[in-house]
């Protein structure tokens, strides 16, 4: 497969569900790496929760001025199955209690205020819904664009499940599966996140950008 230099916009999402959303740009995984493996049987991989995350980005509109917050959500657990060197299935469970803003990390007071609000009943109700998840239902190789795979799956947030498709770069190599999805806009209101601040404080957009970044290690 022809090598291509790719650029991956790494941005977060409010929630989880899910998967990975920041304002950084980074190179996506090389599409050619999906070919590297020799196994011809099903293998199980476990998500490395210390090196995996969902990145989110949310937006507020102040008249003619756009503002945003971005941050991360950690994974609680997850696993993937590889068959004949190709990703076959997977499920990732995000720990919604870990949701935090990165843009406010140097402002403790505002960080605690925003994090508390996002975890409250106005948004993700993490006390009632401590996890969110994404379960892959179909994996389709892709030879077009900057991503080597299309993932179809079910995203569950606040107990509501909707089908969501991600483009992704997937690498299966040397006992490790790496998955990096494209930044994907999710409509938060479809998952019961409908809070709006008073009009004078600006309108919170329905779209939340999510990106899933997963590293999974083969079970020994």
N, C-alpha and C. Protein backbone atom coordinates (compact mmCIF):
# COMPACT_ATOMS: atom_id res chain seq x y z
N UNK A 1 0.84 -1.20 0.00
CA UNK A 1 0.00 0.00 0.00
C UNK A 1 0.88 1.25 0.00
N UNK A 2 0.50 2.21 -0.82
CA UNK A 2 1.31 3.43 -0.92
C UNK A 2 1.29 4.19 0.40
N UNK A 3 2.50 4.60 0.81
CA UNK A 3 2.59 5.38 2.05
C UNK A 3 2.05 6.79 1.83
N UNK A 4 1.37 7.28 2.81
CA UNK A 4 0.87 8.65 2.71
C UNK A 4 1.14 9.37 4.00
N UNK A 5 1.44 10.65 3.88
CA UNK A 5 1.62 11.47 5.07
C UNK A 5 0.27 12.04 5.44
N UNK A 6 -0.17 11.68 6.62
CA UNK A 6 -1.53 12.04 7.02
C UNK A 6 -1.49 12.97 8.22
N UNK A 7 -2.50 13.74 8.31
CA UNK A 7 -2.61 14.63 9.47
C UNK A 7 -3.92 14.38 10.17
N UNK A 8 -3.84 14.17 11.47
CA UNK A 8 -5.03 13.85 12.25
C UNK A 8 -5.32 14.96 13.24
N UNK A 9 -6.47 15.55 13.14
CA UNK A 9 -6.86 16.59 14.08
C UNK A 9 -7.29 15.93 15.37
N UNK A 10 -6.51 16.15 16.42
CA UNK A 10 -6.79 15.52 17.69
C UNK A 10 -7.58 16.49 18.53
N UNK A 11 -8.86 16.28 18.65
CA UNK A 11 -9.68 17.15 19.45
C UNK A 11 -10.55 16.33 20.35
N UNK A 12 -10.94 16.80 21.49
CA UNK A 12 -11.79 16.06 22.33
C UNK A 12 -13.24 16.25 21.97
N UNK A 13 -14.21 15.54 23.30
CA UNK A 13 -15.64 15.69 23.32
C UNK A 13 -16.09 15.72 24.68
N UNK A 14 -17.39 16.45 24.69
CA UNK A 14 -17.83 16.40 26.06
C UNK A 14 -17.68 15.01 26.58
N UNK A 15 -18.31 14.08 26.06
CA UNK A 15 -18.46 12.88 26.82
C UNK A 15 -17.81 11.69 26.25
N UNK A 16 -18.37 10.83 26.56
CA UNK A 16 -17.86 9.59 26.23
C UNK A 16 -18.37 8.91 25.16
N UNK A 17 -18.53 9.03 25.77
CA UNK A 17 -18.90 8.18 25.01
C UNK A 17 -18.74 8.41 24.12
N UNK A 18 -16.55 7.48 24.54
CA UNK A 18 -16.51 7.45 24.49
C UNK A 18 -15.94 7.16 23.93
N UNK A 19 -14.96 7.70 22.75
CA UNK A 19 -14.26 7.91 22.59
C UNK A 19 -13.62 8.99 22.45
N UNK A 20 -11.28 10.33 22.09
CA UNK A 20 -10.84 10.76 22.20
C UNK A 20 -10.66 11.96 21.96
N UNK A 21 -11.41 14.58 22.93
CA UNK A 21 -11.42 15.32 21.81
C UNK A 21 -10.73 16.61 22.14
N UNK A 22 -9.24 16.99 21.53
CA UNK A 22 -8.50 18.19 21.90
C UNK A 22 -8.33 19.10 20.72
N UNK A 23 -7.58 20.14 20.92
CA UNK A 23 -7.37 21.10 19.84
C UNK A 23 -6.05 20.83 19.12
N UNK A 24 -5.36 19.74 19.45
CA UNK A 24 -4.06 19.49 18.86
C UNK A 24 -4.17 18.83 17.51
N UNK A 25 -3.13 18.99 16.69
CA UNK A 25 -3.03 18.25 15.43
C UNK A 25 -1.90 17.25 15.55
N UNK A 26 -2.14 16.08 15.01
CA UNK A 26 -1.12 15.05 15.06
C UNK A 26 -1.29 14.13 13.86
N UNK A 27 -0.27 13.37 13.59
CA UNK A 27 -0.36 12.46 12.46
C UNK A 27 -1.19 11.25 12.86
N UNK A 28 -2.10 10.81 11.99
CA UNK A 28 -2.82 9.57 12.27
C UNK A 28 -1.91 8.38 12.03
N UNK A 29 -2.35 7.24 12.50
CA UNK A 29 -1.57 6.03 12.27
C UNK A 29 -1.48 5.74 10.78
N UNK A 30 -0.37 5.21 10.35
CA UNK A 30 -0.20 4.90 8.93
C UNK A 30 -1.17 3.82 8.50
N UNK A 31 -1.81 4.04 7.37
CA UNK A 31 -2.79 3.07 6.89
C UNK A 31 -2.14 1.75 6.51
N UNK A 32 -0.87 1.76 6.20
CA UNK A 32 -0.21 0.52 5.80
C UNK A 32 -0.02 -0.43 6.96
N UNK A 33 -0.07 0.11 8.19
CA UNK A 33 0.22 -0.72 9.35
C UNK A 33 -0.85 -1.76 9.60
N UNK A 34 -2.03 -1.62 8.99
CA UNK A 34 -3.09 -2.59 9.19
C UNK A 34 -2.72 -3.95 8.59
N UNK A 35 -1.65 -4.04 7.82
CA UNK A 35 -1.27 -5.28 7.18
C UNK A 35 -0.27 -6.09 8.00
N UNK A 36 0.24 -5.51 9.09
CA UNK A 36 1.36 -6.14 9.78
C UNK A 36 0.88 -7.15 10.81
N UNK A 37 0.93 -8.41 10.50
CA UNK A 37 0.65 -9.49 11.44
C UNK A 37 0.72 -10.81 10.70
N UNK A 38 0.90 -11.90 11.45
CA UNK A 38 0.96 -13.21 10.80
C UNK A 38 -0.05 -14.18 11.40
N UNK A 39 -0.71 -13.77 12.50
CA UNK A 39 -1.66 -14.66 13.16
C UNK A 39 -2.86 -14.96 12.27
N UNK A 40 -3.33 -16.22 12.28
CA UNK A 40 -4.49 -16.59 11.47
C UNK A 40 -5.64 -17.08 12.35
N UNK A 41 -5.52 -16.90 13.67
CA UNK A 41 -6.58 -17.29 14.58
C UNK A 41 -7.07 -16.06 15.33
N UNK A 42 -8.21 -16.21 15.99
CA UNK A 42 -8.72 -15.11 16.80
C UNK A 42 -7.82 -14.90 18.01
N UNK A 43 -7.52 -13.64 18.26
CA UNK A 43 -6.73 -13.28 19.44
C UNK A 43 -7.48 -12.21 20.21
N UNK A 44 -7.38 -12.27 21.53
CA UNK A 44 -8.04 -11.30 22.39
C UNK A 44 -7.03 -10.27 22.90
N UNK A 45 -7.45 -9.01 22.90
CA UNK A 45 -6.61 -7.91 23.37
C UNK A 45 -7.38 -7.13 24.43
N UNK A 46 -6.66 -6.63 25.42
CA UNK A 46 -7.27 -5.86 26.51
C UNK A 46 -6.80 -4.41 26.42
N UNK A 47 -7.73 -3.48 26.59
CA UNK A 47 -7.40 -2.06 26.49
C UNK A 47 -6.43 -1.66 27.60
N UNK A 48 -5.37 -0.99 27.20
CA UNK A 48 -4.41 -0.40 28.13
C UNK A 48 -4.99 0.93 28.59
N UNK A 49 -5.65 0.92 29.73
CA UNK A 49 -6.40 2.10 30.17
C UNK A 49 -5.51 3.29 30.50
N UNK A 50 -4.24 3.04 30.79
CA UNK A 50 -3.32 4.14 31.09
C UNK A 50 -2.88 4.88 29.83
N UNK A 51 -3.00 4.22 28.69
CA UNK A 51 -2.54 4.82 27.44
C UNK A 51 -3.66 4.92 26.40
N UNK A 52 -4.88 4.99 26.87
CA UNK A 52 -6.04 5.13 25.99
C UNK A 52 -6.95 6.22 26.57
N UNK A 53 -7.69 6.87 25.70
CA UNK A 53 -8.57 7.95 26.18
C UNK A 53 -9.56 8.35 25.10
N UNK A 54 -10.59 9.05 25.55
CA UNK A 54 -11.49 9.76 24.65
C UNK A 54 -11.16 11.23 24.78
N UNK A 55 -11.09 11.91 23.65
CA UNK A 55 -10.87 13.35 23.67
C UNK A 55 -12.16 14.04 23.21
N UNK A 56 -12.53 15.11 23.88
CA UNK A 56 -13.78 15.80 23.56
C UNK A 56 -13.56 17.30 23.39
N UNK A 57 -14.48 17.88 22.66
CA UNK A 57 -14.49 19.33 22.51
C UNK A 57 -15.93 19.81 22.42
N UNK A 58 -16.28 20.79 23.26
CA UNK A 58 -17.62 21.36 23.25
C UNK A 58 -17.53 22.84 22.94
N UNK A 59 -18.62 23.39 22.44
CA UNK A 59 -18.58 24.76 21.93
C UNK A 59 -19.71 25.60 22.51
N UNK A 60 -19.40 26.86 22.76
CA UNK A 60 -20.40 27.85 23.15
C UNK A 60 -20.27 29.05 22.22
N UNK A 61 -21.39 29.63 21.86
CA UNK A 61 -21.38 30.77 20.95
C UNK A 61 -21.80 32.02 21.71
N UNK A 62 -20.92 33.00 21.77
CA UNK A 62 -21.23 34.30 22.35
C UNK A 62 -21.39 35.30 21.22
N UNK A 63 -22.62 35.58 20.82
CA UNK A 63 -22.89 36.53 19.75
C UNK A 63 -22.02 36.19 18.54
N UNK A 64 -21.04 37.04 18.20
CA UNK A 64 -20.19 36.77 17.04
C UNK A 64 -18.89 36.06 17.43
N UNK A 65 -18.73 35.76 18.72
CA UNK A 65 -17.48 35.18 19.21
C UNK A 65 -17.68 33.70 19.56
N UNK A 66 -16.79 32.85 19.09
CA UNK A 66 -16.87 31.42 19.40
C UNK A 66 -15.91 31.08 20.54
N UNK A 67 -16.39 30.29 21.47
CA UNK A 67 -15.52 29.82 22.55
C UNK A 67 -15.71 28.31 22.65
N UNK A 68 -14.77 27.64 23.27
CA UNK A 68 -14.88 26.19 23.40
C UNK A 68 -14.13 25.71 24.63
N UNK A 69 -14.45 24.50 25.04
CA UNK A 69 -13.69 23.78 26.06
C UNK A 69 -13.33 22.41 25.48
N UNK A 70 -12.19 21.90 25.90
CA UNK A 70 -11.79 20.58 25.43
C UNK A 70 -11.11 19.82 26.56
N UNK A 71 -11.18 18.50 26.48
CA UNK A 71 -10.60 17.70 27.55
C UNK A 71 -10.58 16.22 27.22
N UNK A 72 -10.55 15.40 28.26
CA UNK A 72 -10.40 13.96 28.09
C UNK A 72 -11.34 13.18 29.01
N UNK A 73 -11.54 11.93 28.64
CA UNK A 73 -12.24 10.96 29.47
C UNK A 73 -11.42 9.68 29.43
N UNK A 74 -11.19 9.07 30.59
CA UNK A 74 -10.40 7.84 30.65
C UNK A 74 -11.30 6.62 30.40
N UNK A 75 -10.66 5.53 30.01
CA UNK A 75 -11.38 4.27 29.86
C UNK A 75 -11.33 3.48 31.17
N UNK A 76 -12.46 2.86 31.48
CA UNK A 76 -12.53 1.96 32.63
C UNK A 76 -12.08 0.56 32.25
N UNK A 77 -12.47 0.14 31.03
CA UNK A 77 -12.12 -1.20 30.56
C UNK A 77 -12.37 -1.28 29.06
N UNK A 78 -12.06 -2.41 28.49
CA UNK A 78 -12.31 -2.61 27.06
C UNK A 78 -11.53 -3.79 26.54
N UNK A 79 -12.00 -4.34 25.42
CA UNK A 79 -11.29 -5.44 24.79
C UNK A 79 -11.59 -5.44 23.30
N UNK A 80 -10.70 -6.03 22.53
CA UNK A 80 -10.90 -6.17 21.09
C UNK A 80 -10.52 -7.58 20.67
N UNK A 81 -11.09 -8.01 19.55
CA UNK A 81 -10.78 -9.31 18.98
C UNK A 81 -10.17 -9.12 17.60
N UNK A 82 -9.09 -9.84 17.35
CA UNK A 82 -8.40 -9.80 16.05
C UNK A 82 -8.48 -11.18 15.43
N UNK A 83 -8.85 -11.24 14.15
CA UNK A 83 -8.90 -12.50 13.42
C UNK A 83 -8.08 -12.37 12.15
N UNK A 84 -7.14 -13.28 11.96
CA UNK A 84 -6.27 -13.28 10.79
C UNK A 84 -5.60 -11.92 10.59
N UNK A 85 -5.18 -11.34 11.70
CA UNK A 85 -4.43 -10.09 11.63
C UNK A 85 -5.25 -8.84 11.44
N UNK A 86 -6.58 -8.97 11.46
CA UNK A 86 -7.45 -7.81 11.24
C UNK A 86 -8.39 -7.65 12.43
N UNK A 87 -8.67 -6.39 12.77
CA UNK A 87 -9.63 -6.12 13.83
C UNK A 87 -10.99 -6.70 13.44
N UNK A 88 -11.59 -7.43 14.36
CA UNK A 88 -12.90 -8.05 14.09
C UNK A 88 -14.02 -7.40 14.91
N UNK A 89 -13.75 -7.10 16.18
CA UNK A 89 -14.78 -6.52 17.05
C UNK A 89 -14.11 -5.86 18.24
N UNK A 90 -14.91 -5.18 19.04
CA UNK A 90 -14.37 -4.54 20.23
C UNK A 90 -15.43 -3.78 20.99
N UNK A 91 -15.18 -3.57 22.26
CA UNK A 91 -16.05 -2.75 23.09
C UNK A 91 -15.20 -1.97 24.07
N UNK A 92 -15.50 -0.68 24.22
CA UNK A 92 -14.74 0.20 25.09
C UNK A 92 -15.69 0.88 26.08
N UNK A 93 -15.33 0.83 27.36
CA UNK A 93 -16.16 1.42 28.40
C UNK A 93 -15.42 2.62 28.99
N UNK A 94 -16.04 3.79 28.90
CA UNK A 94 -15.43 5.02 29.38
C UNK A 94 -15.89 5.34 30.80
N UNK A 95 -14.97 5.80 31.61
CA UNK A 95 -15.25 6.19 32.99
C UNK A 95 -15.67 7.66 33.00
N UNK A 96 -16.98 7.92 33.04
CA UNK A 96 -17.46 9.30 32.95
C UNK A 96 -17.09 10.14 34.16
N UNK A 97 -16.76 9.49 35.28
CA UNK A 97 -16.34 10.26 36.45
C UNK A 97 -14.96 10.89 36.24
N UNK A 98 -14.23 10.42 35.22
CA UNK A 98 -12.88 10.95 34.94
C UNK A 98 -12.92 12.14 34.00
N UNK A 99 -14.10 12.49 33.51
CA UNK A 99 -14.23 13.60 32.56
C UNK A 99 -13.60 14.86 33.13
N UNK A 100 -12.73 15.50 32.34
CA UNK A 100 -12.08 16.72 32.80
C UNK A 100 -11.73 17.62 31.64
N UNK A 101 -11.65 18.90 31.92
CA UNK A 101 -11.26 19.89 30.92
C UNK A 101 -9.74 20.05 30.92
N UNK A 102 -9.15 20.12 29.74
CA UNK A 102 -7.72 20.36 29.61
C UNK A 102 -7.41 21.85 29.47
N UNK A 103 -8.30 22.59 28.85
CA UNK A 103 -8.03 24.02 28.61
C UNK A 103 -8.05 24.82 29.91
N UNK A 104 -8.67 24.29 30.96
CA UNK A 104 -8.73 25.01 32.23
C UNK A 104 -7.82 24.40 33.30
N UNK A 105 -6.91 23.52 32.91
CA UNK A 105 -6.12 22.79 33.90
C UNK A 105 -5.23 23.68 34.75
N UNK A 106 -4.96 24.90 34.28
CA UNK A 106 -4.14 25.82 35.06
C UNK A 106 -4.96 26.81 35.87
N UNK A 107 -6.28 26.64 35.86
CA UNK A 107 -7.19 27.50 36.63
C UNK A 107 -8.06 26.58 37.49
N UNK A 108 -7.57 26.25 38.67
CA UNK A 108 -8.22 25.25 39.51
C UNK A 108 -9.66 25.57 39.81
N UNK A 109 -9.94 26.82 40.13
CA UNK A 109 -11.32 27.19 40.49
C UNK A 109 -12.28 26.99 39.33
N UNK A 110 -11.91 27.47 38.14
CA UNK A 110 -12.78 27.33 36.98
C UNK A 110 -12.86 25.88 36.50
N UNK A 111 -11.75 25.15 36.65
CA UNK A 111 -11.73 23.75 36.27
C UNK A 111 -12.73 22.95 37.10
N UNK A 112 -12.69 23.14 38.41
CA UNK A 112 -13.60 22.41 39.29
C UNK A 112 -15.04 22.81 39.02
N UNK A 113 -15.26 24.07 38.71
CA UNK A 113 -16.62 24.54 38.42
C UNK A 113 -17.16 23.89 37.16
N UNK A 114 -16.35 23.89 36.08
CA UNK A 114 -16.80 23.30 34.81
C UNK A 114 -16.97 21.78 34.94
N UNK A 115 -15.98 21.12 35.53
CA UNK A 115 -16.07 19.67 35.67
C UNK A 115 -17.29 19.26 36.47
N UNK A 116 -17.55 20.00 37.54
CA UNK A 116 -18.71 19.70 38.37
C UNK A 116 -20.01 19.87 37.60
N UNK A 117 -20.07 20.91 36.77
CA UNK A 117 -21.28 21.16 36.00
C UNK A 117 -21.48 20.07 34.94
N UNK A 118 -20.41 19.68 34.27
CA UNK A 118 -20.53 18.65 33.24
C UNK A 118 -20.95 17.30 33.83
N UNK A 119 -20.57 17.04 35.06
CA UNK A 119 -20.90 15.77 35.69
C UNK A 119 -22.27 15.79 36.38
N UNK A 120 -22.88 16.96 36.44
CA UNK A 120 -24.15 17.12 37.14
C UNK A 120 -25.33 16.67 36.28
N UNK A 121 -26.52 16.78 36.84
CA UNK A 121 -27.73 16.42 36.13
C UNK A 121 -28.00 17.29 34.92
N UNK A 122 -27.39 18.46 34.83
CA UNK A 122 -27.56 19.32 33.66
C UNK A 122 -26.95 18.69 32.41
N UNK A 123 -25.91 17.89 32.62
CA UNK A 123 -25.22 17.31 31.47
C UNK A 123 -25.21 15.77 31.55
N UNK A 124 -24.16 15.18 32.11
CA UNK A 124 -23.97 13.73 31.98
C UNK A 124 -24.40 12.88 33.17
N UNK A 125 -24.84 13.51 34.25
CA UNK A 125 -25.38 12.75 35.40
C UNK A 125 -24.50 11.56 35.76
N UNK A 126 -23.24 11.80 36.02
CA UNK A 126 -22.31 10.69 36.20
C UNK A 126 -22.61 9.85 37.44
N UNK A 127 -23.29 10.42 38.42
CA UNK A 127 -23.64 9.62 39.60
C UNK A 127 -24.62 8.52 39.20
N UNK A 128 -25.53 8.84 38.29
CA UNK A 128 -26.52 7.87 37.82
C UNK A 128 -25.99 7.03 36.66
N UNK A 129 -25.17 7.67 35.81
CA UNK A 129 -24.62 7.00 34.62
C UNK A 129 -23.09 7.12 34.64
N UNK A 130 -22.40 6.32 35.47
CA UNK A 130 -20.96 6.47 35.65
C UNK A 130 -20.12 6.03 34.46
N UNK A 131 -20.72 5.31 33.52
CA UNK A 131 -19.96 4.87 32.35
C UNK A 131 -20.71 5.17 31.06
N UNK A 132 -19.96 5.22 29.97
CA UNK A 132 -20.50 5.28 28.62
C UNK A 132 -19.71 4.24 27.83
N UNK A 133 -20.20 3.87 26.65
CA UNK A 133 -19.50 2.81 25.93
C UNK A 133 -19.66 2.95 24.42
N UNK A 134 -18.73 2.33 23.72
CA UNK A 134 -18.82 2.20 22.26
C UNK A 134 -18.50 0.76 21.92
N UNK A 135 -19.45 0.09 21.23
CA UNK A 135 -19.27 -1.30 20.83
C UNK A 135 -19.23 -1.40 19.32
N UNK A 136 -18.14 -1.93 18.80
CA UNK A 136 -17.96 -2.07 17.36
C UNK A 136 -18.80 -3.24 16.85
N UNK A 137 -19.61 -2.99 15.82
CA UNK A 137 -20.46 -4.03 15.24
C UNK A 137 -20.01 -4.45 13.84
N UNK A 138 -19.20 -3.61 13.20
CA UNK A 138 -18.75 -3.92 11.85
C UNK A 138 -17.44 -3.20 11.57
N UNK A 139 -16.52 -3.88 10.94
CA UNK A 139 -15.20 -3.32 10.59
C UNK A 139 -15.02 -3.46 9.08
N UNK A 140 -14.83 -2.32 8.39
CA UNK A 140 -14.72 -2.34 6.94
C UNK A 140 -13.43 -1.66 6.50
N UNK A 141 -12.54 -2.37 5.81
CA UNK A 141 -11.32 -1.72 5.30
C UNK A 141 -11.69 -0.61 4.32
N UNK A 142 -10.86 0.44 4.29
CA UNK A 142 -11.11 1.56 3.38
C UNK A 142 -9.80 1.95 2.71
N UNK A 143 -9.87 2.17 1.41
CA UNK A 143 -8.68 2.57 0.65
C UNK A 143 -8.75 4.03 0.24
N UNK A 144 -9.77 4.75 0.70
CA UNK A 144 -9.96 6.14 0.31
C UNK A 144 -9.73 7.06 1.49
N UNK A 145 -9.19 8.24 1.21
CA UNK A 145 -9.01 9.24 2.26
C UNK A 145 -7.84 8.94 3.18
N UNK A 146 -7.88 9.55 4.36
CA UNK A 146 -6.76 9.49 5.29
C UNK A 146 -6.87 8.38 6.33
N UNK A 147 -7.90 7.56 6.25
CA UNK A 147 -8.11 6.52 7.25
C UNK A 147 -8.26 5.16 6.58
N UNK A 148 -7.72 4.13 7.22
CA UNK A 148 -7.71 2.81 6.57
C UNK A 148 -8.89 1.92 6.92
N UNK A 149 -9.78 2.40 7.79
CA UNK A 149 -10.88 1.56 8.28
C UNK A 149 -12.12 2.40 8.58
N UNK A 150 -13.28 1.79 8.36
CA UNK A 150 -14.55 2.38 8.80
C UNK A 150 -15.13 1.49 9.89
N UNK A 151 -15.43 2.10 11.03
CA UNK A 151 -16.00 1.37 12.16
C UNK A 151 -17.48 1.74 12.31
N UNK A 152 -18.33 0.74 12.29
CA UNK A 152 -19.73 0.94 12.65
C UNK A 152 -19.92 0.39 14.05
N UNK A 153 -20.72 1.08 14.85
CA UNK A 153 -20.91 0.60 16.20
C UNK A 153 -22.03 1.33 16.91
N UNK A 154 -22.23 0.96 18.17
CA UNK A 154 -23.27 1.55 19.01
C UNK A 154 -22.64 2.34 20.14
N UNK A 155 -22.99 3.62 20.21
CA UNK A 155 -22.52 4.51 21.26
C UNK A 155 -23.62 4.63 22.31
N UNK A 156 -23.27 4.40 23.57
CA UNK A 156 -24.23 4.50 24.66
C UNK A 156 -23.79 5.56 25.64
N UNK A 157 -24.66 6.56 25.85
CA UNK A 157 -24.41 7.63 26.81
C UNK A 157 -25.71 7.88 27.58
N UNK A 158 -25.62 7.95 28.89
CA UNK A 158 -26.79 8.18 29.74
C UNK A 158 -27.88 7.14 29.48
N UNK A 159 -27.46 5.92 29.18
CA UNK A 159 -28.41 4.84 28.96
C UNK A 159 -29.09 4.86 27.62
N UNK A 160 -28.71 5.78 26.75
CA UNK A 160 -29.29 5.90 25.41
C UNK A 160 -28.27 5.40 24.39
N UNK A 161 -28.70 4.50 23.52
CA UNK A 161 -27.80 3.90 22.53
C UNK A 161 -28.19 4.34 21.13
N UNK A 162 -27.19 4.81 20.38
CA UNK A 162 -27.40 5.24 19.00
C UNK A 162 -26.27 4.67 18.13
N UNK A 163 -26.57 4.35 16.86
CA UNK A 163 -25.50 3.90 15.96
C UNK A 163 -24.61 5.08 15.56
N UNK A 164 -23.31 4.89 15.62
CA UNK A 164 -22.34 5.93 15.26
C UNK A 164 -21.22 5.29 14.45
N UNK A 165 -20.87 5.92 13.34
CA UNK A 165 -19.80 5.43 12.48
C UNK A 165 -18.58 6.34 12.61
N UNK A 166 -17.41 5.73 12.75
CA UNK A 166 -16.15 6.46 12.80
C UNK A 166 -15.25 6.00 11.66
N UNK A 167 -14.54 6.92 11.05
CA UNK A 167 -13.38 6.57 10.26
C UNK A 167 -12.21 6.44 11.23
N UNK A 168 -11.31 5.50 10.95
CA UNK A 168 -10.22 5.26 11.90
C UNK A 168 -8.99 4.73 11.19
N UNK A 169 -7.86 4.93 11.83
CA UNK A 169 -6.64 4.25 11.44
C UNK A 169 -6.36 3.17 12.47
N UNK A 170 -6.17 1.96 11.99
CA UNK A 170 -6.00 0.80 12.87
C UNK A 170 -4.70 0.10 12.53
N UNK A 171 -3.94 -0.21 13.57
CA UNK A 171 -2.69 -0.95 13.42
C UNK A 171 -2.75 -2.19 14.29
N UNK A 172 -2.41 -3.34 13.71
CA UNK A 172 -2.27 -4.59 14.46
C UNK A 172 -0.83 -5.04 14.29
N UNK A 173 -0.06 -4.94 15.35
CA UNK A 173 1.38 -5.16 15.20
C UNK A 173 2.01 -5.55 16.52
N UNK A 174 2.77 -6.64 16.52
CA UNK A 174 3.62 -7.03 17.64
C UNK A 174 2.86 -7.04 18.96
N UNK A 175 1.70 -7.70 18.99
CA UNK A 175 0.95 -7.85 20.23
C UNK A 175 0.20 -6.62 20.68
N UNK A 176 0.06 -5.63 19.80
CA UNK A 176 -0.62 -4.39 20.15
C UNK A 176 -1.60 -3.99 19.06
N UNK A 177 -2.79 -3.60 19.47
CA UNK A 177 -3.76 -3.01 18.55
C UNK A 177 -3.88 -1.52 18.89
N UNK A 178 -3.72 -0.67 17.89
CA UNK A 178 -3.88 0.77 18.07
C UNK A 178 -5.03 1.26 17.21
N UNK A 179 -5.92 2.02 17.80
CA UNK A 179 -7.08 2.57 17.10
C UNK A 179 -7.12 4.07 17.34
N UNK A 180 -7.16 4.85 16.26
CA UNK A 180 -7.26 6.31 16.37
C UNK A 180 -8.35 6.76 15.40
N UNK A 181 -9.47 7.20 15.94
CA UNK A 181 -10.58 7.60 15.08
C UNK A 181 -10.43 9.05 14.64
N UNK A 182 -11.16 9.39 13.60
CA UNK A 182 -11.24 10.79 13.19
C UNK A 182 -12.04 11.57 14.22
N UNK A 183 -11.87 12.89 14.30
CA UNK A 183 -12.75 13.71 15.13
C UNK A 183 -14.18 13.62 14.56
N UNK A 184 -15.13 13.32 15.42
CA UNK A 184 -16.50 13.07 14.97
C UNK A 184 -17.47 13.91 15.78
N UNK A 185 -18.34 14.66 15.10
CA UNK A 185 -19.35 15.44 15.79
C UNK A 185 -20.53 14.56 16.17
N UNK A 186 -20.89 14.61 17.45
CA UNK A 186 -22.03 13.88 17.98
C UNK A 186 -23.05 14.90 18.48
N UNK A 187 -24.32 14.65 18.22
CA UNK A 187 -25.37 15.55 18.71
C UNK A 187 -25.73 15.14 20.14
N UNK A 188 -25.33 15.96 21.09
CA UNK A 188 -25.50 15.61 22.51
C UNK A 188 -26.97 15.47 22.89
N UNK A 189 -27.85 16.26 22.26
CA UNK A 189 -29.26 16.22 22.63
C UNK A 189 -29.89 14.86 22.32
N UNK A 190 -29.32 14.13 21.33
CA UNK A 190 -29.83 12.79 21.02
C UNK A 190 -29.56 11.81 22.16
N UNK A 191 -28.63 12.17 23.05
CA UNK A 191 -28.29 11.34 24.19
C UNK A 191 -28.79 11.94 25.50
N UNK A 192 -29.76 12.82 25.39
CA UNK A 192 -30.40 13.37 26.59
C UNK A 192 -29.63 14.47 27.28
N UNK A 193 -28.63 15.05 26.60
CA UNK A 193 -27.86 16.16 27.18
C UNK A 193 -28.38 17.45 26.55
N UNK A 194 -29.38 18.06 27.19
CA UNK A 194 -30.12 19.15 26.55
C UNK A 194 -29.97 20.49 27.25
N UNK A 195 -29.08 20.58 28.23
CA UNK A 195 -28.95 21.83 28.99
C UNK A 195 -28.59 23.02 28.11
N UNK A 196 -29.24 24.15 28.38
CA UNK A 196 -28.88 25.41 27.76
C UNK A 196 -28.82 26.48 28.85
N UNK A 197 -27.74 27.26 28.84
CA UNK A 197 -27.60 28.37 29.77
C UNK A 197 -28.53 29.50 29.35
N UNK A 198 -28.78 30.48 30.22
CA UNK A 198 -29.56 31.65 29.82
C UNK A 198 -28.97 32.28 28.57
N UNK A 199 -29.84 32.82 27.70
CA UNK A 199 -29.41 33.33 26.40
C UNK A 199 -28.28 34.34 26.51
N UNK A 200 -28.29 35.15 27.57
CA UNK A 200 -27.26 36.19 27.70
C UNK A 200 -25.88 35.60 27.94
N UNK A 201 -25.82 34.33 28.35
CA UNK A 201 -24.54 33.68 28.59
C UNK A 201 -23.99 32.96 27.36
N UNK A 202 -24.77 32.97 26.28
CA UNK A 202 -24.32 32.31 25.06
C UNK A 202 -24.99 30.97 24.85
N UNK A 203 -25.07 30.54 23.61
CA UNK A 203 -25.73 29.29 23.25
C UNK A 203 -24.71 28.16 23.20
N UNK A 204 -25.01 27.05 23.88
CA UNK A 204 -24.15 25.87 23.82
C UNK A 204 -24.56 25.05 22.62
N UNK A 205 -23.64 24.79 21.73
CA UNK A 205 -23.95 24.04 20.51
C UNK A 205 -24.33 22.59 20.83
N UNK A 206 -25.18 22.05 19.97
CA UNK A 206 -25.61 20.66 20.13
C UNK A 206 -24.45 19.71 19.82
N UNK A 207 -23.58 20.09 18.88
CA UNK A 207 -22.48 19.21 18.46
C UNK A 207 -21.35 19.18 19.49
N UNK A 208 -20.94 17.99 19.81
CA UNK A 208 -19.76 17.75 20.63
C UNK A 208 -18.81 16.88 19.80
N UNK A 209 -17.56 17.27 19.73
CA UNK A 209 -16.60 16.51 18.92
C UNK A 209 -15.90 15.47 19.78
N UNK A 210 -15.89 14.23 19.28
CA UNK A 210 -15.26 13.13 20.00
C UNK A 210 -14.18 12.48 19.15
N UNK A 211 -13.17 12.00 19.82
CA UNK A 211 -12.15 11.19 19.16
C UNK A 211 -11.71 10.09 20.12
N UNK A 212 -11.67 8.87 19.62
CA UNK A 212 -11.28 7.72 20.44
C UNK A 212 -9.85 7.32 20.11
N UNK A 213 -9.04 7.20 21.14
CA UNK A 213 -7.66 6.73 20.97
C UNK A 213 -7.45 5.54 21.89
N UNK A 214 -7.24 4.36 21.30
CA UNK A 214 -7.15 3.14 22.08
C UNK A 214 -5.85 2.40 21.78
N UNK A 215 -5.23 1.91 22.84
CA UNK A 215 -4.12 0.98 22.72
C UNK A 215 -4.53 -0.28 23.49
N UNK A 216 -4.52 -1.43 22.82
CA UNK A 216 -4.91 -2.68 23.45
C UNK A 216 -3.77 -3.69 23.32
N UNK A 217 -3.57 -4.45 24.40
CA UNK A 217 -2.45 -5.40 24.47
C UNK A 217 -2.96 -6.83 24.44
N UNK A 218 -2.26 -7.70 23.73
CA UNK A 218 -2.70 -9.08 23.58
C UNK A 218 -2.66 -9.82 24.92
N UNK A 219 -3.72 -10.60 25.17
CA UNK A 219 -3.76 -11.42 26.36
C UNK A 219 -2.72 -12.53 26.26
N UNK A 220 -2.01 -12.72 27.34
CA UNK A 220 -0.98 -13.76 27.35
C UNK A 220 -1.52 -15.05 27.96
